Amino acid sequence: MGPVTTNPWLIALINMTIVFGVLACLGVLMKIIYMVDPTRQKKTANPVAAPAPAAAPAPAAVAAPVQDDSEIIAVIAAAVAALGHSAEEIACVRRLPEAGWTQNARIEAISVRKECF
């Protein structure tokens, strides 16, 4: 059995209709999932606007306290020496920001060698 039509414009029209029909069905499905989503935050019926607090004056620039890391560096150097390595093999010792201690930051700190400042 051969093709029903050999007209390329008709074939293109049928294919485009199928594609956009499937896209429309996916859009409707996404709207339904959005409406029944249990993790969506609910809006309150009557939101009460809280009075804005008075603006506090901006504090002067406060310098971050500098920590003495000499004891920590000595412990790290002792641990490296206990493993049988020399001090020349230590590329860099730097403090990582407290907020950056996620799994990715830990992996990056271990695998990527960065310059110390």
PDB file of N, CA and C in Angstrom:
ATOM      1  N   MET A   1       0.845  -1.170   0.000  1.00  0.00           N
ATOM      2  CA  MET A   1       0.000   0.000   0.000  1.00  0.00           C
ATOM      3  C   MET A   1       0.891   1.234   0.000  1.00  0.00           C
ATOM      4  N   GLY A   2       0.709   2.124  -0.881  1.00  0.00           N
ATOM      5  CA  GLY A   2       1.519   3.320  -1.042  1.00  0.00           C
ATOM      6  C   GLY A   2       1.002   4.467  -0.194  1.00  0.00           C
ATOM      7  N   PRO A   3       1.680   5.600  -0.269  1.00  0.00           N
ATOM      8  CA  PRO A   3       1.241   6.767   0.503  1.00  0.00           C
ATOM      9  C   PRO A   3      -0.096   7.292  -0.009  1.00  0.00           C
ATOM     10  N   VAL A   4      -0.878   7.828   0.940  1.00  0.00           N
ATOM     11  CA  VAL A   4      -2.185   8.342   0.587  1.00  0.00           C
ATOM     12  C   VAL A   4      -2.032   9.636  -0.203  1.00  0.00           C
ATOM     13  N   THR A   5      -1.067  10.436   0.171  1.00  0.00           N
ATOM     14  CA  THR A   5      -0.843  11.694  -0.538  1.00  0.00           C
ATOM     15  C   THR A   5       0.657  11.918  -0.705  1.00  0.00           C
ATOM     16  N   THR A   6       1.015  12.586  -1.744  1.00  0.00           N
ATOM     17  CA  THR A   6       2.409  12.943  -1.976  1.00  0.00           C
ATOM     18  C   THR A   6       2.600  14.455  -1.927  1.00  0.00           C
ATOM     19  N   ASN A   7       1.547  15.163  -1.571  1.00  0.00           N
ATOM     20  CA  ASN A   7       1.614  16.611  -1.473  1.00  0.00           C
ATOM     21  C   ASN A   7       2.409  17.003  -0.218  1.00  0.00           C
ATOM     22  N   PRO A   8       3.574  17.639  -0.363  1.00  0.00           N
ATOM     23  CA  PRO A   8       4.390  17.975   0.813  1.00  0.00           C
ATOM     24  C   PRO A   8       3.738  19.016   1.720  1.00  0.00           C
ATOM     25  N   TRP A   9       2.937  19.898   1.153  1.00  0.00           N
ATOM     26  CA  TRP A   9       2.269  20.913   1.975  1.00  0.00           C
ATOM     27  C   TRP A   9       1.214  20.280   2.875  1.00  0.00           C
ATOM     28  N   LEU A  10       0.518  19.294   2.391  1.00  0.00           N
ATOM     29  CA  LEU A  10      -0.488  18.603   3.195  1.00  0.00           C
ATOM     30  C   LEU A  10       0.182  17.803   4.316  1.00  0.00           C
ATOM     31  N   ILE A  11       1.294  17.150   3.997  1.00  0.00           N
ATOM     32  CA  ILE A  11       2.031  16.394   5.015  1.00  0.00           C
ATOM     33  C   ILE A  11       2.563  17.345   6.091  1.00  0.00           C
ATOM     34  N   ALA A  12       3.108  18.503   5.678  1.00  0.00           N
ATOM     35  CA  ALA A  12       3.619  19.479   6.637  1.00  0.00           C
ATOM     36  C   ALA A  12       2.491  20.015   7.511  1.00  0.00           C
ATOM     37  N   LEU A  13       1.322  20.270   6.921  1.00  0.00           N
ATOM     38  CA  LEU A  13       0.177  20.771   7.681  1.00  0.00           C
ATOM     39  C   LEU A  13      -0.291  19.745   8.712  1.00  0.00           C
ATOM     40  N   ILE A  14      -0.347  18.487   8.326  1.00  0.00           N
ATOM     41  CA  ILE A  14      -0.756  17.428   9.258  1.00  0.00           C
ATOM     42  C   ILE A  14       0.255  17.315  10.401  1.00  0.00           C
ATOM     43  N   ASN A  15       1.553  17.326  10.076  1.00  0.00           N
ATOM     44  CA  ASN A  15       2.586  17.214  11.106  1.00  0.00           C
ATOM     45  C   ASN A  15       2.558  18.404  12.063  1.00  0.00           C
ATOM     46  N   MET A  16       2.409  19.607  11.534  1.00  0.00           N
ATOM     47  CA  MET A  16       2.367  20.796  12.394  1.00  0.00           C
ATOM     48  C   MET A  16       1.126  20.774  13.283  1.00  0.00           C
ATOM     49  N   THR A  17      -0.001  20.297  12.771  1.00  0.00           N
ATOM     50  CA  THR A  17      -1.220  20.182  13.573  1.00  0.00           C
ATOM     51  C   THR A  17      -1.003  19.219  14.736  1.00  0.00           C
ATOM     52  N   ILE A  18      -0.351  18.102  14.452  1.00  0.00           N
ATOM     53  CA  ILE A  18      -0.079  17.129  15.518  1.00  0.00           C
ATOM     54  C   ILE A  18       0.854  17.737  16.567  1.00  0.00           C
ATOM     55  N   VAL A  19       1.911  18.420  16.127  1.00  0.00           N
ATOM     56  CA  VAL A  19       2.871  19.010  17.069  1.00  0.00           C
ATOM     57  C   VAL A  19       2.190  20.039  17.960  1.00  0.00           C
ATOM     58  N   PHE A  20       1.454  20.976  17.371  1.00  0.00           N
ATOM     59  CA  PHE A  20       0.825  22.007  18.182  1.00  0.00           C
ATOM     60  C   PHE A  20      -0.321  21.447  19.020  1.00  0.00           C
ATOM     61  N   GLY A  21      -0.980  20.397  18.557  1.00  0.00           N
ATOM     62  CA  GLY A  21      -2.005  19.741  19.378  1.00  0.00           C
ATOM     63  C   GLY A  21      -1.403  19.107  20.625  1.00  0.00           C
ATOM     64  N   VAL A  22      -0.250  18.445  20.471  1.00  0.00           N
ATOM     65  CA  VAL A  22       0.426  17.857  21.631  1.00  0.00           C
ATOM     66  C   VAL A  22       0.910  18.954  22.576  1.00  0.00           C
ATOM     67  N   LEU A  23       1.445  20.049  22.050  1.00  0.00           N
ATOM     68  CA  LEU A  23       1.878  21.168  22.901  1.00  0.00           C
ATOM     69  C   LEU A  23       0.704  21.769  23.672  1.00  0.00           C
ATOM     70  N   ALA A  24      -0.447  21.905  23.031  1.00  0.00           N
ATOM     71  CA  ALA A  24      -1.631  22.430  23.713  1.00  0.00           C
ATOM     72  C   ALA A  24      -2.061  21.486  24.828  1.00  0.00           C
ATOM     73  N   CYS A  25      -2.023  20.175  24.568  1.00  0.00           N
ATOM     74  CA  CYS A  25      -2.381  19.201  25.612  1.00  0.00           C
ATOM     75  C   CYS A  25      -1.411  19.278  26.780  1.00  0.00           C
ATOM     76  N   LEU A  26      -0.120  19.431  26.510  1.00  0.00           N
ATOM     77  CA  LEU A  26       0.863  19.570  27.590  1.00  0.00           C
ATOM     78  C   LEU A  26       0.628  20.855  28.395  1.00  0.00           C
ATOM     79  N   GLY A  27       0.251  21.936  27.708  1.00  0.00           N
ATOM     80  CA  GLY A  27      -0.047  23.185  28.418  1.00  0.00           C
ATOM     81  C   GLY A  27      -1.236  23.032  29.344  1.00  0.00           C
ATOM     82  N   VAL A  28      -2.287  22.345  28.882  1.00  0.00           N
ATOM     83  CA  VAL A  28      -3.465  22.096  29.725  1.00  0.00           C
ATOM     84  C   VAL A  28      -3.083  21.219  30.908  1.00  0.00           C
ATOM     85  N   LEU A  29      -2.255  20.196  30.668  1.00  0.00           N
ATOM     86  CA  LEU A  29      -1.802  19.317  31.744  1.00  0.00           C
ATOM     87  C   LEU A  29      -0.991  20.086  32.783  1.00  0.00           C
ATOM     88  N   MET A  30      -0.147  21.013  32.328  1.00  0.00           N
ATOM     89  CA  MET A  30       0.629  21.825  33.274  1.00  0.00           C
ATOM     90  C   MET A  30      -0.287  22.713  34.108  1.00  0.00           C
ATOM     91  N   LYS A  31      -1.318  23.280  33.519  1.00  0.00           N
ATOM     92  CA  LYS A  31      -2.270  24.114  34.275  1.00  0.00           C
ATOM     93  C   LYS A  31      -2.996  23.282  35.328  1.00  0.00           C
ATOM     94  N   ILE A  32      -3.392  22.061  34.977  1.00  0.00           N
ATOM     95  CA  ILE A  32      -4.083  21.183  35.935  1.00  0.00           C
ATOM     96  C   ILE A  32      -3.158  20.830  37.085  1.00  0.00           C
ATOM     97  N   ILE A  33      -1.906  20.492  36.775  1.00  0.00           N
ATOM     98  CA  ILE A  33      -0.944  20.164  37.830  1.00  0.00           C
ATOM     99  C   ILE A  33      -0.696  21.378  38.716  1.00  0.00           C
ATOM    100  N   TYR A  34      -0.638  22.572  38.135  1.00  0.00           N
ATOM    101  CA  TYR A  34      -0.441  23.793  38.923  1.00  0.00           C
ATOM    102  C   TYR A  34      -1.610  24.032  39.872  1.00  0.00           C
ATOM    103  N   MET A  35      -2.827  23.733  39.429  1.00  0.00           N
ATOM    104  CA  MET A  35      -4.000  23.971  40.277  1.00  0.00           C
ATOM    105  C   MET A  35      -4.070  22.989  41.441  1.00  0.00           C
ATOM    106  N   VAL A  36      -3.621  21.763  41.258  1.00  0.00           N
ATOM    107  CA  VAL A  36      -3.718  20.762  42.326  1.00  0.00           C
ATOM    108  C   VAL A  36      -2.391  20.563  43.054  1.00  0.00           C
ATOM    109  N   ASP A  37      -1.413  21.428  42.832  1.00  0.00           N
ATOM    110  CA  ASP A  37      -0.098  21.303  43.448  1.00  0.00           C
ATOM    111  C   ASP A  37      -0.200  21.485  44.959  1.00  0.00           C
ATOM    112  N   PRO A  38       0.144  20.446  45.759  1.00  0.00           N
ATOM    113  CA  PRO A  38       0.041  20.569  47.214  1.00  0.00           C
ATOM    114  C   PRO A  38       1.174  21.396  47.819  1.00  0.00           C
ATOM    115  N   THR A  39       2.252  21.627  47.093  1.00  0.00           N
ATOM    116  CA  THR A  39       3.371  22.381  47.650  1.00  0.00           C
ATOM    117  C   THR A  39       3.266  23.873  47.394  1.00  0.00           C
ATOM    118  N   ARG A  40       2.273  24.295  46.651  1.00  0.00           N
ATOM    119  CA  ARG A  40       2.113  25.710  46.333  1.00  0.00           C
ATOM    120  C   ARG A  40       1.686  26.472  47.575  1.00  0.00           C
ATOM    121  N   GLN A  41       2.231  27.662  47.776  1.00  0.00           N
ATOM    122  CA  GLN A  41       1.853  28.479  48.925  1.00  0.00           C
ATOM    123  C   GLN A  41       0.478  29.074  48.684  1.00  0.00           C
ATOM    124  N   LYS A  42      -0.339  28.979  49.705  1.00  0.00           N
ATOM    125  CA  LYS A  42      -1.702  29.493  49.606  1.00  0.00           C
ATOM    126  C   LYS A  42      -1.706  30.996  49.860  1.00  0.00           C
ATOM    127  N   LYS A  43      -2.556  31.705  49.139  1.00  0.00           N
ATOM    128  CA  LYS A  43      -2.721  33.143  49.357  1.00  0.00           C
ATOM    129  C   LYS A  43      -3.759  33.355  50.446  1.00  0.00           C
ATOM    130  N   THR A  44      -3.537  34.330  51.295  1.00  0.00           N
ATOM    131  CA  THR A  44      -4.497  34.617  52.353  1.00  0.00           C
ATOM    132  C   THR A  44      -5.658  35.404  51.772  1.00  0.00           C
ATOM    133  N   ALA A  45      -6.828  35.225  52.391  1.00  0.00           N
ATOM    134  CA  ALA A  45      -8.031  35.876  51.883  1.00  0.00           C
ATOM    135  C   ALA A  45      -7.950  37.392  52.053  1.00  0.00           C
ATOM    136  N   ASN A  46      -7.598  37.856  53.236  1.00  0.00           N
ATOM    137  CA  ASN A  46      -7.494  39.285  53.510  1.00  0.00           C
ATOM    138  C   ASN A  46      -6.112  39.582  54.075  1.00  0.00           C
ATOM    139  N   PRO A  47      -5.164  39.853  53.223  1.00  0.00           N
ATOM    140  CA  PRO A  47      -3.846  40.161  53.758  1.00  0.00           C
ATOM    141  C   PRO A  47      -3.865  41.505  54.469  1.00  0.00           C
ATOM    142  N   VAL A  48      -3.396  41.516  55.697  1.00  0.00           N
ATOM    143  CA  VAL A  48      -3.350  42.737  56.484  1.00  0.00           C
ATOM    144  C   VAL A  48      -1.980  43.348  56.292  1.00  0.00           C
ATOM    145  N   ALA A  49      -1.979  44.566  55.842  1.00  0.00           N
ATOM    146  CA  ALA A  49      -0.713  45.240  55.602  1.00  0.00           C
ATOM    147  C   ALA A  49      -0.153  45.703  56.940  1.00  0.00           C
ATOM    148  N   ALA A  50       0.998  45.196  57.272  1.00  0.00           N
ATOM    149  CA  ALA A  50       1.653  45.602  58.519  1.00  0.00           C
ATOM    150  C   ALA A  50       2.239  46.988  58.324  1.00  0.00           C
ATOM    151  N   PRO A  51       2.147  47.813  59.350  1.00  0.00           N
ATOM    152  CA  PRO A  51       2.723  49.154  59.212  1.00  0.00           C
ATOM    153  C   PRO A  51       4.243  49.045  59.066  1.00  0.00           C
ATOM    154  N   ALA A  52       4.765  49.837  58.188  1.00  0.00           N
ATOM    155  CA  ALA A  52       6.206  49.804  57.942  1.00  0.00           C
ATOM    156  C   ALA A  52       6.941  50.400  59.136  1.00  0.00           C
ATOM    157  N   PRO A  53       7.964  49.711  59.638  1.00  0.00           N
ATOM    158  CA  PRO A  53       8.712  50.271  60.758  1.00  0.00           C
ATOM    159  C   PRO A  53       9.511  51.485  60.308  1.00  0.00           C
ATOM    160  N   ALA A  54       9.795  52.325  61.256  1.00  0.00           N
ATOM    161  CA  ALA A  54      10.559  53.527  60.948  1.00  0.00           C
ATOM    162  C   ALA A  54      11.952  53.119  60.496  1.00  0.00           C
ATOM    163  N   ALA A  55      12.439  53.802  59.497  1.00  0.00           N
ATOM    164  CA  ALA A  55      13.746  53.455  58.958  1.00  0.00           C
ATOM    165  C   ALA A  55      14.826  53.807  59.966  1.00  0.00           C
ATOM    166  N   ALA A  56      15.645  52.829  60.291  1.00  0.00           N
ATOM    167  CA  ALA A  56      16.742  53.056  61.222  1.00  0.00           C
ATOM    168  C   ALA A  56      17.894  53.689  60.464  1.00  0.00           C
ATOM    169  N   PRO A  57      18.658  54.528  61.125  1.00  0.00           N
ATOM    170  CA  PRO A  57      19.804  55.117  60.429  1.00  0.00           C
ATOM    171  C   PRO A  57      20.819  54.029  60.080  1.00  0.00           C
ATOM    172  N   ALA A  58      21.460  54.194  58.957  1.00  0.00           N
ATOM    173  CA  ALA A  58      22.432  53.198  58.506  1.00  0.00           C
ATOM    174  C   ALA A  58      23.630  53.193  59.434  1.00  0.00           C
ATOM    175  N   PRO A  59      24.024  52.011  59.928  1.00  0.00           N
ATOM    176  CA  PRO A  59      25.180  51.978  60.810  1.00  0.00           C
ATOM    177  C   PRO A  59      26.454  52.260  60.027  1.00  0.00           C
ATOM    178  N   ALA A  60      27.435  52.777  60.735  1.00  0.00           N
ATOM    179  CA  ALA A  60      28.715  53.060  60.100  1.00  0.00           C
ATOM    180  C   ALA A  60      29.352  51.744  59.680  1.00  0.00           C
ATOM    181  N   ALA A  61      30.193  51.806  58.712  1.00  0.00           N
ATOM    182  CA  ALA A  61      30.843  50.593  58.221  1.00  0.00           C
ATOM    183  C   ALA A  61      31.656  49.964  59.347  1.00  0.00           C
ATOM    184  N   VAL A  62      31.329  48.719  59.640  1.00  0.00           N
ATOM    185  CA  VAL A  62      32.007  48.006  60.707  1.00  0.00           C
ATOM    186  C   VAL A  62      32.942  46.996  60.069  1.00  0.00           C
ATOM    187  N   ALA A  63      34.196  47.067  60.429  1.00  0.00           N
ATOM    188  CA  ALA A  63      35.164  46.133  59.879  1.00  0.00           C
ATOM    189  C   ALA A  63      34.989  44.784  60.559  1.00  0.00           C
ATOM    190  N   ALA A  64      35.109  43.725  59.777  1.00  0.00           N
ATOM    191  CA  ALA A  64      34.978  42.384  60.329  1.00  0.00           C
ATOM    192  C   ALA A  64      36.172  42.098  61.231  1.00  0.00           C
ATOM    193  N   PRO A  65      35.925  41.470  62.378  1.00  0.00           N
ATOM    194  CA  PRO A  65      37.048  41.187  63.269  1.00  0.00           C
ATOM    195  C   PRO A  65      38.005  40.184  62.612  1.00  0.00           C
ATOM    196  N   VAL A  66      39.266  40.440  62.771  1.00  0.00           N
ATOM    197  CA  VAL A  66      40.286  39.580  62.189  1.00  0.00           C
ATOM    198  C   VAL A  66      40.606  38.482  63.183  1.00  0.00           C
ATOM    199  N   GLN A  67      40.533  37.238  62.724  1.00  0.00           N
ATOM    200  CA  GLN A  67      40.821  36.113  63.597  1.00  0.00           C
ATOM    201  C   GLN A  67      42.272  35.711  63.453  1.00  0.00           C
ATOM    202  N   ASP A  68      42.852  35.265  64.566  1.00  0.00           N
ATOM    203  CA  ASP A  68      44.210  34.776  64.545  1.00  0.00           C
ATOM    204  C   ASP A  68      44.172  33.294  64.205  1.00  0.00           C
ATOM    205  N   ASP A  69      44.606  32.959  63.010  1.00  0.00           N
ATOM    206  CA  ASP A  69      44.552  31.585  62.538  1.00  0.00           C
ATOM    207  C   ASP A  69      45.876  30.853  62.711  1.00  0.00           C
ATOM    208  N   SER A  70      46.791  31.406  63.470  1.00  0.00           N
ATOM    209  CA  SER A  70      48.104  30.776  63.568  1.00  0.00           C
ATOM    210  C   SER A  70      48.021  29.395  64.218  1.00  0.00           C
ATOM    211  N   GLU A  71      47.145  29.218  65.205  1.00  0.00           N
ATOM    212  CA  GLU A  71      47.012  27.906  65.843  1.00  0.00           C
ATOM    213  C   GLU A  71      46.417  26.889  64.866  1.00  0.00           C
ATOM    214  N   ILE A  72      45.439  27.309  64.103  1.00  0.00           N
ATOM    215  CA  ILE A  72      44.803  26.410  63.143  1.00  0.00           C
ATOM    216  C   ILE A  72      45.798  26.003  62.061  1.00  0.00           C
ATOM    217  N   ILE A  73      46.590  26.959  61.586  1.00  0.00           N
ATOM    218  CA  ILE A  73      47.589  26.654  60.565  1.00  0.00           C
ATOM    219  C   ILE A  73      48.648  25.717  61.127  1.00  0.00           C
ATOM    220  N   ALA A  74      49.013  25.896  62.407  1.00  0.00           N
ATOM    221  CA  ALA A  74      49.991  25.002  63.028  1.00  0.00           C
ATOM    222  C   ALA A  74      49.438  23.581  63.117  1.00  0.00           C
ATOM    223  N   VAL A  75      48.151  23.438  63.433  1.00  0.00           N
ATOM    224  CA  VAL A  75      47.533  22.115  63.503  1.00  0.00           C
ATOM    225  C   VAL A  75      47.492  21.480  62.119  1.00  0.00           C
ATOM    226  N   ILE A  76      47.163  22.256  61.103  1.00  0.00           N
ATOM    227  CA  ILE A  76      47.138  21.725  59.743  1.00  0.00           C
ATOM    228  C   ILE A  76      48.536  21.287  59.316  1.00  0.00           C
ATOM    229  N   ALA A  77      49.540  22.108  59.612  1.00  0.00           N
ATOM    230  CA  ALA A  77      50.915  21.751  59.264  1.00  0.00           C
ATOM    231  C   ALA A  77      51.355  20.495  59.999  1.00  0.00           C
ATOM    232  N   ALA A  78      50.952  20.340  61.266  1.00  0.00           N
ATOM    233  CA  ALA A  78      51.301  19.139  62.022  1.00  0.00           C
ATOM    234  C   ALA A  78      50.625  17.909  61.432  1.00  0.00           C
ATOM    235  N   ALA A  79      49.386  18.051  60.992  1.00  0.00           N
ATOM    236  CA  ALA A  79      48.684  16.923  60.389  1.00  0.00           C
ATOM    237  C   ALA A  79      49.336  16.517  59.073  1.00  0.00           C
ATOM    238  N   VAL A  80      49.761  17.501  58.270  1.00  0.00           N
ATOM    239  CA  VAL A  80      50.437  17.198  57.010  1.00  0.00           C
ATOM    240  C   VAL A  80      51.772  16.522  57.290  1.00  0.00           C
ATOM    241  N   ALA A  81      52.495  17.011  58.305  1.00  0.00           N
ATOM    242  CA  ALA A  81      53.782  16.402  58.660  1.00  0.00           C
ATOM    243  C   ALA A  81      53.581  14.992  59.187  1.00  0.00           C
ATOM    244  N   ALA A  82      52.495  14.746  59.928  1.00  0.00           N
ATOM    245  CA  ALA A  82      52.221  13.417  60.458  1.00  0.00           C
ATOM    246  C   ALA A  82      51.923  12.429  59.336  1.00  0.00           C
ATOM    247  N   LEU A  83      51.430  12.908  58.229  1.00  0.00           N
ATOM    248  CA  LEU A  83      51.163  12.037  57.084  1.00  0.00           C
ATOM    249  C   LEU A  83      52.410  11.771  56.255  1.00  0.00           C
ATOM    250  N   GLY A  84      53.530  12.437  56.611  1.00  0.00           N
ATOM    251  CA  GLY A  84      54.783  12.198  55.910  1.00  0.00           C
ATOM    252  C   GLY A  84      55.041  13.138  54.767  1.00  0.00           C
ATOM    253  N   HIS A  85      54.313  14.225  54.703  1.00  0.00           N
ATOM    254  CA  HIS A  85      54.523  15.206  53.638  1.00  0.00           C
ATOM    255  C   HIS A  85      55.316  16.382  54.178  1.00  0.00           C
ATOM    256  N   SER A  86      55.897  17.165  53.280  1.00  0.00           N
ATOM    257  CA  SER A  86      56.657  18.331  53.708  1.00  0.00           C
ATOM    258  C   SER A  86      55.786  19.583  53.612  1.00  0.00           C
ATOM    259  N   ALA A  87      56.265  20.652  54.228  1.00  0.00           N
ATOM    260  CA  ALA A  87      55.518  21.909  54.237  1.00  0.00           C
ATOM    261  C   ALA A  87      55.444  22.532  52.848  1.00  0.00           C
ATOM    262  N   GLU A  88      56.393  22.186  51.959  1.00  0.00           N
ATOM    263  CA  GLU A  88      56.378  22.749  50.613  1.00  0.00           C
ATOM    264  C   GLU A  88      55.219  22.204  49.783  1.00  0.00           C
ATOM    265  N   GLU A  89      54.652  21.082  50.211  1.00  0.00           N
ATOM    266  CA  GLU A  89      53.558  20.489  49.449  1.00  0.00           C
ATOM    267  C   GLU A  89      52.215  21.162  49.728  1.00  0.00           C
ATOM    268  N   ILE A  90      52.164  21.996  50.757  1.00  0.00           N
ATOM    269  CA  ILE A  90      50.923  22.716  51.059  1.00  0.00           C
ATOM    270  C   ILE A  90      50.814  23.878  50.081  1.00  0.00           C
ATOM    271  N   ALA A  91      49.800  23.844  49.251  1.00  0.00           N
ATOM    272  CA  ALA A  91      49.637  24.887  48.241  1.00  0.00           C
ATOM    273  C   ALA A  91      49.104  26.161  48.865  1.00  0.00           C
ATOM    274  N   CYS A  92      48.145  26.029  49.766  1.00  0.00           N
ATOM    275  CA  CYS A  92      47.490  27.212  50.285  1.00  0.00           C
ATOM    276  C   CYS A  92      46.629  26.824  51.477  1.00  0.00           C
ATOM    277  N   VAL A  93      46.561  27.688  52.458  1.00  0.00           N
ATOM    278  CA  VAL A  93      45.649  27.518  53.584  1.00  0.00           C
ATOM    279  C   VAL A  93      44.824  28.781  53.658  1.00  0.00           C
ATOM    280  N   ARG A  94      43.540  28.636  53.491  1.00  0.00           N
ATOM    281  CA  ARG A  94      42.660  29.809  53.534  1.00  0.00           C
ATOM    282  C   ARG A  94      41.356  29.442  54.210  1.00  0.00           C
ATOM    283  N   ARG A  95      40.712  30.421  54.790  1.00  0.00           N
ATOM    284  CA  ARG A  95      39.435  30.217  55.454  1.00  0.00           C
ATOM    285  C   ARG A  95      38.320  30.330  54.428  1.00  0.00           C
ATOM    286  N   LEU A  96      37.431  29.368  54.457  1.00  0.00           N
ATOM    287  CA  LEU A  96      36.268  29.415  53.578  1.00  0.00           C
ATOM    288  C   LEU A  96      35.146  30.166  54.284  1.00  0.00           C
ATOM    289  N   PRO A  97      34.313  30.876  53.535  1.00  0.00           N
ATOM    290  CA  PRO A  97      33.197  31.581  54.171  1.00  0.00           C
ATOM    291  C   PRO A  97      32.231  30.598  54.815  1.00  0.00           C
ATOM    292  N   GLU A  98      31.680  30.986  55.947  1.00  0.00           N
ATOM    293  CA  GLU A  98      30.777  30.103  56.691  1.00  0.00           C
ATOM    294  C   GLU A  98      29.526  29.761  55.878  1.00  0.00           C
ATOM    295  N   ALA A  99      29.007  30.716  55.127  1.00  0.00           N
ATOM    296  CA  ALA A  99      27.776  30.476  54.381  1.00  0.00           C
ATOM    297  C   ALA A  99      28.019  29.571  53.175  1.00  0.00           C
ATOM    298  N   GLY A 100      29.262  29.381  52.782  1.00  0.00           N
ATOM    299  CA  GLY A 100      29.550  28.602  51.599  1.00  0.00           C
ATOM    300  C   GLY A 100      29.781  27.130  51.854  1.00  0.00           C
ATOM    301  N   TRP A 101      29.507  26.653  53.053  1.00  0.00           N
ATOM    302  CA  TRP A 101      29.783  25.251  53.355  1.00  0.00           C
ATOM    303  C   TRP A 101      28.644  24.352  52.911  1.00  0.00           C
ATOM    304  N   THR A 102      28.479  24.267  51.640  1.00  0.00           N
ATOM    305  CA  THR A 102      27.562  23.285  51.076  1.00  0.00           C
ATOM    306  C   THR A 102      28.391  22.169  50.477  1.00  0.00           C
ATOM    307  N   GLN A 103      27.745  21.149  50.034  1.00  0.00           N
ATOM    308  CA  GLN A 103      28.483  20.017  49.475  1.00  0.00           C
ATOM    309  C   GLN A 103      29.307  20.446  48.261  1.00  0.00           C
ATOM    310  N   ASN A 104      28.766  21.317  47.419  1.00  0.00           N
ATOM    311  CA  ASN A 104      29.513  21.756  46.244  1.00  0.00           C
ATOM    312  C   ASN A 104      30.729  22.584  46.628  1.00  0.00           C
ATOM    313  N   ALA A 105      30.612  23.424  47.642  1.00  0.00           N
ATOM    314  CA  ALA A 105      31.752  24.219  48.070  1.00  0.00           C
ATOM    315  C   ALA A 105      32.844  23.325  48.633  1.00  0.00           C
ATOM    316  N   ARG A 106      32.474  22.285  49.334  1.00  0.00           N
ATOM    317  CA  ARG A 106      33.470  21.362  49.862  1.00  0.00           C
ATOM    318  C   ARG A 106      34.203  20.653  48.730  1.00  0.00           C
ATOM    319  N   ILE A 107      33.456  20.206  47.736  1.00  0.00           N
ATOM    320  CA  ILE A 107      34.083  19.517  46.607  1.00  0.00           C
ATOM    321  C   ILE A 107      34.998  20.472  45.858  1.00  0.00           C
ATOM    322  N   GLU A 108      34.562  21.706  45.659  1.00  0.00           N
ATOM    323  CA  GLU A 108      35.380  22.682  44.948  1.00  0.00           C
ATOM    324  C   GLU A 108      36.649  23.010  45.728  1.00  0.00           C
ATOM    325  N   ALA A 109      36.524  23.136  47.039  1.00  0.00           N
ATOM    326  CA  ALA A 109      37.690  23.462  47.861  1.00  0.00           C
ATOM    327  C   ALA A 109      38.718  22.347  47.826  1.00  0.00           C
ATOM    328  N   ILE A 110      38.274  21.128  47.666  1.00  0.00           N
ATOM    329  CA  ILE A 110      39.194  20.000  47.643  1.00  0.00           C
ATOM    330  C   ILE A 110      39.796  19.812  46.256  1.00  0.00           C
ATOM    331  N   SER A 111      38.994  19.969  45.212  1.00  0.00           N
ATOM    332  CA  SER A 111      39.450  19.597  43.879  1.00  0.00           C
ATOM    333  C   SER A 111      40.093  20.732  43.103  1.00  0.00           C
ATOM    334  N   VAL A 112      39.774  21.983  43.390  1.00  0.00           N
ATOM    335  CA  VAL A 112      40.289  23.103  42.615  1.00  0.00           C
ATOM    336  C   VAL A 112      41.373  23.804  43.420  1.00  0.00           C
ATOM    337  N   ARG A 113      42.516  23.999  42.826  1.00  0.00           N
ATOM    338  CA  ARG A 113      43.631  24.649  43.504  1.00  0.00           C
ATOM    339  C   ARG A 113      43.591  26.133  43.150  1.00  0.00           C
ATOM    340  N   LYS A 114      43.369  26.976  44.152  1.00  0.00           N
ATOM    341  CA  LYS A 114      43.255  28.405  43.917  1.00  0.00           C
ATOM    342  C   LYS A 114      44.427  29.131  44.578  1.00  0.00           C
ATOM    343  N   GLU A 115      44.676  30.302  44.116  1.00  0.00           N
ATOM    344  CA  GLU A 115      45.746  31.114  44.675  1.00  0.00           C
ATOM    345  C   GLU A 115      45.297  31.736  45.995  1.00  0.00           C
ATOM    346  N   CYS A 116      46.174  31.815  46.938  1.00  0.00           N
ATOM    347  CA  CYS A 116      45.893  32.489  48.216  1.00  0.00           C
ATOM    348  C   CYS A 116      46.248  33.956  48.102  1.00  0.00           C
ATOM    349  N   PHE A 117      45.520  34.755  48.798  1.00  0.00           N
ATOM    350  CA  PHE A 117      45.801  36.185  48.816  1.00  0.00           C
ATOM    351  C   PHE A 117      46.149  36.607  50.205  1.00  0.00           C
TER     352      PHE A 117
END
